């Protein structure tokens, strides 16, 4: 149930889930909608880093969670130097944006 970050927070890193699951939550005042549940091998937090915008969803641990964090500077370096990674992240961002 721990909140990893909240909708509206500034972005400082990307998270890659090694073990456990998180819920992606859209907050609308008193109402929350669970948009997705992510598990091992999946990642979150890239959208705000790529768009340089505030977080567009809240992420809450659904189980015990073990995740790798990649801080903004390292993420941007990897994103800029590995074309396949850049393409994969941008495609994921487009898919996730289309679901909203």
N, C-alpha and C. Protein backbone atom coordinates (compact mmCIF):
# COMPACT_ATOMS: atom_id res chain seq x y z
N UNK A 1 0.78 -1.20 0.00
CA UNK A 1 0.00 0.00 0.00
C UNK A 1 0.83 1.28 0.00
N UNK A 2 2.15 1.16 0.05
CA UNK A 2 2.99 2.36 0.08
C UNK A 2 2.95 3.09 -1.26
N UNK A 3 2.87 4.41 -1.20
CA UNK A 3 2.88 5.23 -2.40
C UNK A 3 4.33 5.45 -2.84
N UNK A 4 4.63 5.12 -4.10
CA UNK A 4 5.97 5.32 -4.65
C UNK A 4 6.11 6.78 -5.07
N UNK A 5 5.14 7.28 -5.81
CA UNK A 5 5.02 8.70 -6.11
C UNK A 5 3.58 9.03 -6.40
N UNK A 6 3.26 10.31 -6.30
CA UNK A 6 1.89 10.77 -6.49
C UNK A 6 1.74 11.54 -7.80
N UNK A 7 0.54 11.45 -8.34
CA UNK A 7 0.18 12.24 -9.51
C UNK A 7 0.48 13.71 -9.19
N UNK A 8 1.16 14.39 -10.10
CA UNK A 8 1.53 15.79 -9.90
C UNK A 8 2.93 16.00 -9.37
N UNK A 9 3.57 14.94 -8.82
CA UNK A 9 4.95 15.06 -8.35
C UNK A 9 5.88 15.32 -9.52
N UNK A 10 7.03 15.93 -9.23
CA UNK A 10 8.04 16.10 -10.26
C UNK A 10 8.76 14.76 -10.46
N UNK A 11 9.29 14.57 -11.67
CA UNK A 11 9.93 13.30 -12.02
C UNK A 11 11.42 13.36 -11.73
N UNK A 12 11.91 12.34 -11.03
CA UNK A 12 13.33 12.27 -10.75
C UNK A 12 13.97 10.96 -11.19
N UNK A 13 13.15 9.92 -11.46
CA UNK A 13 13.73 8.66 -11.89
C UNK A 13 12.69 7.74 -12.52
N UNK A 14 13.20 6.72 -13.16
CA UNK A 14 12.42 5.64 -13.76
C UNK A 14 12.59 4.43 -12.84
N UNK A 15 11.57 3.62 -12.73
CA UNK A 15 11.61 2.42 -11.88
C UNK A 15 11.41 1.19 -12.74
N UNK A 16 12.22 0.16 -12.51
CA UNK A 16 12.09 -1.13 -13.18
C UNK A 16 11.78 -2.16 -12.11
N UNK A 17 10.66 -2.86 -12.26
CA UNK A 17 10.23 -3.81 -11.23
C UNK A 17 11.00 -5.11 -11.36
N UNK A 18 11.66 -5.49 -10.28
CA UNK A 18 12.36 -6.77 -10.22
C UNK A 18 11.45 -7.83 -9.62
N UNK A 19 10.73 -7.48 -8.56
CA UNK A 19 9.81 -8.42 -7.90
C UNK A 19 8.67 -7.62 -7.30
N UNK A 20 7.49 -8.21 -7.33
CA UNK A 20 6.31 -7.56 -6.78
C UNK A 20 5.47 -6.88 -7.84
N UNK A 21 4.46 -6.15 -7.38
CA UNK A 21 3.54 -5.48 -8.30
C UNK A 21 3.16 -4.10 -7.77
N UNK A 22 2.83 -3.21 -8.71
CA UNK A 22 2.33 -1.88 -8.37
C UNK A 22 1.02 -1.64 -9.10
N UNK A 23 0.24 -0.71 -8.57
CA UNK A 23 -0.98 -0.25 -9.23
C UNK A 23 -0.73 1.15 -9.76
N UNK A 24 -1.18 1.40 -10.97
CA UNK A 24 -1.13 2.73 -11.58
C UNK A 24 -2.50 3.34 -11.37
N UNK A 25 -2.54 4.47 -10.66
CA UNK A 25 -3.81 5.04 -10.23
C UNK A 25 -3.98 6.46 -10.76
N UNK A 26 -5.13 6.73 -11.31
CA UNK A 26 -5.49 8.09 -11.73
C UNK A 26 -6.36 8.69 -10.63
N UNK A 27 -5.92 9.81 -10.08
CA UNK A 27 -6.67 10.49 -9.02
C UNK A 27 -7.54 11.56 -9.63
N UNK A 28 -8.79 11.61 -9.21
CA UNK A 28 -9.72 12.66 -9.63
C UNK A 28 -10.50 13.09 -8.40
N UNK A 29 -9.90 13.97 -7.61
CA UNK A 29 -10.54 14.41 -6.38
C UNK A 29 -10.67 13.28 -5.38
N UNK A 30 -11.89 12.95 -5.02
CA UNK A 30 -12.16 11.89 -4.06
C UNK A 30 -12.17 10.50 -4.70
N UNK A 31 -12.10 10.46 -6.03
CA UNK A 31 -12.20 9.19 -6.76
C UNK A 31 -10.84 8.78 -7.31
N UNK A 32 -10.55 7.48 -7.21
CA UNK A 32 -9.34 6.96 -7.84
C UNK A 32 -9.72 5.81 -8.76
N UNK A 33 -9.02 5.73 -9.88
CA UNK A 33 -9.25 4.68 -10.85
C UNK A 33 -7.94 3.93 -11.05
N UNK A 34 -7.98 2.61 -10.91
CA UNK A 34 -6.78 1.81 -11.17
C UNK A 34 -6.71 1.58 -12.67
N UNK A 35 -5.67 2.15 -13.30
CA UNK A 35 -5.50 2.06 -14.75
C UNK A 35 -4.80 0.78 -15.16
N UNK A 36 -3.87 0.31 -14.32
CA UNK A 36 -3.09 -0.87 -14.67
C UNK A 36 -2.43 -1.43 -13.43
N UNK A 37 -2.00 -2.66 -13.56
CA UNK A 37 -1.21 -3.33 -12.53
C UNK A 37 0.04 -3.82 -13.25
N UNK A 38 1.21 -3.44 -12.75
CA UNK A 38 2.48 -3.79 -13.38
C UNK A 38 3.26 -4.74 -12.50
N UNK A 39 4.01 -5.64 -13.13
CA UNK A 39 4.77 -6.63 -12.38
C UNK A 39 6.20 -6.76 -12.87
N UNK A 40 6.89 -7.84 -12.46
CA UNK A 40 8.30 -8.02 -12.78
C UNK A 40 8.61 -7.85 -14.26
N UNK A 41 9.68 -7.10 -14.52
CA UNK A 41 10.13 -6.85 -15.89
C UNK A 41 9.50 -5.60 -16.49
N UNK A 42 8.47 -5.08 -15.85
CA UNK A 42 7.83 -3.86 -16.36
C UNK A 42 8.42 -2.64 -15.66
N UNK A 43 8.16 -1.48 -16.22
CA UNK A 43 8.73 -0.25 -15.68
C UNK A 43 7.68 0.84 -15.64
N UNK A 44 7.98 1.88 -14.87
CA UNK A 44 7.08 3.02 -14.77
C UNK A 44 7.89 4.26 -14.43
N UNK A 45 7.30 5.40 -14.73
CA UNK A 45 7.95 6.68 -14.44
C UNK A 45 8.60 7.32 -15.65
N UNK A 46 8.60 6.62 -16.79
CA UNK A 46 9.27 7.14 -17.98
C UNK A 46 8.52 8.31 -18.62
N UNK A 47 7.20 8.30 -18.51
CA UNK A 47 6.42 9.31 -19.21
C UNK A 47 6.76 10.72 -18.74
N UNK A 48 6.86 10.93 -17.45
CA UNK A 48 7.19 12.26 -16.93
C UNK A 48 8.62 12.65 -17.27
N UNK A 49 9.52 11.68 -17.29
CA UNK A 49 10.90 11.98 -17.65
C UNK A 49 11.00 12.39 -19.13
N UNK A 50 10.30 11.66 -19.99
CA UNK A 50 10.37 11.94 -21.42
C UNK A 50 9.66 13.24 -21.78
N UNK A 51 8.59 13.55 -21.08
CA UNK A 51 7.82 14.75 -21.42
C UNK A 51 8.22 15.97 -20.58
N UNK A 52 9.09 15.74 -19.58
CA UNK A 52 9.50 16.80 -18.67
C UNK A 52 8.29 17.48 -18.03
N UNK A 53 7.32 16.66 -17.67
CA UNK A 53 6.07 17.12 -17.06
C UNK A 53 5.91 16.44 -15.70
N UNK A 54 4.98 16.93 -14.89
CA UNK A 54 4.71 16.25 -13.61
C UNK A 54 4.18 14.83 -13.83
N UNK A 55 4.29 14.01 -12.82
CA UNK A 55 3.76 12.64 -12.89
C UNK A 55 2.27 12.69 -13.22
N UNK A 56 1.82 11.85 -14.14
CA UNK A 56 0.41 11.88 -14.56
C UNK A 56 -0.43 10.82 -13.87
N UNK A 57 0.18 10.06 -12.96
CA UNK A 57 -0.55 9.03 -12.20
C UNK A 57 0.17 8.80 -10.88
N UNK A 58 -0.56 8.22 -9.96
CA UNK A 58 0.01 7.79 -8.68
C UNK A 58 0.39 6.32 -8.82
N UNK A 59 1.52 5.94 -8.25
CA UNK A 59 1.95 4.54 -8.24
C UNK A 59 1.96 4.06 -6.80
N UNK A 60 1.24 2.97 -6.56
CA UNK A 60 1.12 2.40 -5.22
C UNK A 60 1.56 0.95 -5.26
N UNK A 61 2.38 0.54 -4.30
CA UNK A 61 2.80 -0.86 -4.20
C UNK A 61 1.57 -1.71 -3.89
N UNK A 62 1.36 -2.76 -4.66
CA UNK A 62 0.26 -3.69 -4.44
C UNK A 62 0.73 -4.89 -3.61
N UNK A 63 2.03 -5.13 -3.64
CA UNK A 63 2.65 -6.22 -2.88
C UNK A 63 4.00 -5.71 -2.40
N UNK A 64 4.76 -6.55 -1.71
CA UNK A 64 6.15 -6.20 -1.42
C UNK A 64 6.80 -5.93 -2.77
N UNK A 65 7.66 -4.93 -2.84
CA UNK A 65 8.20 -4.48 -4.11
C UNK A 65 9.72 -4.36 -4.05
N UNK A 66 10.36 -4.87 -5.08
CA UNK A 66 11.80 -4.68 -5.27
C UNK A 66 11.95 -4.07 -6.65
N UNK A 67 12.51 -2.86 -6.70
CA UNK A 67 12.63 -2.16 -7.98
C UNK A 67 13.99 -1.48 -8.11
N UNK A 68 14.46 -1.42 -9.32
CA UNK A 68 15.68 -0.71 -9.67
C UNK A 68 15.27 0.71 -10.02
N UNK A 69 16.01 1.70 -9.56
CA UNK A 69 15.73 3.07 -9.94
C UNK A 69 16.85 3.57 -10.85
N UNK A 70 16.46 4.27 -11.89
CA UNK A 70 17.42 4.89 -12.80
C UNK A 70 17.14 6.39 -12.74
N UNK A 71 18.07 7.14 -12.18
CA UNK A 71 17.88 8.57 -11.98
C UNK A 71 17.90 9.33 -13.31
N UNK A 72 17.27 10.50 -13.29
CA UNK A 72 17.03 11.30 -14.48
C UNK A 72 18.27 11.43 -15.39
N UNK A 73 19.41 11.84 -14.86
CA UNK A 73 20.59 12.06 -15.70
C UNK A 73 21.04 10.77 -16.37
N UNK A 74 21.04 9.67 -15.62
CA UNK A 74 21.43 8.38 -16.20
C UNK A 74 20.41 7.93 -17.24
N UNK A 75 19.14 8.11 -16.94
CA UNK A 75 18.07 7.75 -17.88
C UNK A 75 18.23 8.54 -19.18
N UNK A 76 18.43 9.84 -19.08
CA UNK A 76 18.54 10.67 -20.28
C UNK A 76 19.78 10.30 -21.09
N UNK A 77 20.85 9.95 -20.43
CA UNK A 77 22.06 9.51 -21.12
C UNK A 77 21.80 8.21 -21.89
N UNK A 78 21.17 7.24 -21.23
CA UNK A 78 20.83 5.97 -21.89
C UNK A 78 19.85 6.20 -23.03
N UNK A 79 18.84 7.01 -22.78
CA UNK A 79 17.81 7.31 -23.78
C UNK A 79 18.43 7.93 -25.03
N UNK A 80 19.41 8.81 -24.82
CA UNK A 80 20.04 9.50 -25.94
C UNK A 80 21.07 8.68 -26.69
N UNK A 81 21.61 7.65 -26.04
CA UNK A 81 22.71 6.91 -26.67
C UNK A 81 22.33 5.52 -27.18
N UNK A 82 21.14 5.03 -26.87
CA UNK A 82 20.73 3.69 -27.31
C UNK A 82 19.43 3.83 -28.10
N UNK A 83 19.52 3.88 -29.44
CA UNK A 83 18.33 4.10 -30.27
C UNK A 83 17.20 3.09 -30.02
N UNK A 84 17.53 1.83 -29.82
CA UNK A 84 16.49 0.81 -29.60
C UNK A 84 15.75 1.07 -28.29
N UNK A 85 16.46 1.49 -27.28
CA UNK A 85 15.83 1.82 -26.00
C UNK A 85 14.93 3.03 -26.17
N UNK A 86 15.43 4.05 -26.86
CA UNK A 86 14.64 5.25 -27.09
C UNK A 86 13.34 4.91 -27.82
N UNK A 87 13.43 4.10 -28.86
CA UNK A 87 12.24 3.72 -29.62
C UNK A 87 11.26 2.92 -28.76
N UNK A 88 11.76 1.97 -27.99
CA UNK A 88 10.91 1.16 -27.14
C UNK A 88 10.18 2.01 -26.10
N UNK A 89 10.89 2.93 -25.46
CA UNK A 89 10.29 3.79 -24.45
C UNK A 89 9.25 4.73 -25.07
N UNK A 90 9.55 5.27 -26.23
CA UNK A 90 8.60 6.18 -26.88
C UNK A 90 7.34 5.43 -27.34
N UNK A 91 7.50 4.19 -27.80
CA UNK A 91 6.33 3.38 -28.18
C UNK A 91 5.48 3.06 -26.94
N UNK A 92 6.13 2.73 -25.84
CA UNK A 92 5.40 2.45 -24.60
C UNK A 92 4.66 3.70 -24.13
N UNK A 93 5.29 4.85 -24.25
CA UNK A 93 4.64 6.10 -23.85
C UNK A 93 3.40 6.36 -24.72
N UNK A 94 3.51 6.11 -26.00
CA UNK A 94 2.36 6.31 -26.89
C UNK A 94 1.21 5.37 -26.52
N UNK A 95 1.53 4.09 -26.23
CA UNK A 95 0.48 3.13 -25.82
C UNK A 95 -0.19 3.56 -24.54
N UNK A 96 0.62 3.97 -23.57
CA UNK A 96 0.06 4.35 -22.27
C UNK A 96 -0.75 5.62 -22.37
N UNK A 97 -0.34 6.55 -23.19
CA UNK A 97 -1.08 7.79 -23.39
C UNK A 97 -2.41 7.51 -24.06
N UNK A 98 -2.43 6.57 -24.98
CA UNK A 98 -3.67 6.22 -25.70
C UNK A 98 -4.71 5.61 -24.76
N UNK A 99 -4.26 4.94 -23.69
CA UNK A 99 -5.18 4.30 -22.73
C UNK A 99 -5.86 5.29 -21.83
N UNK A 100 -5.29 6.48 -21.67
CA UNK A 100 -5.85 7.47 -20.73
C UNK A 100 -7.06 8.08 -21.27
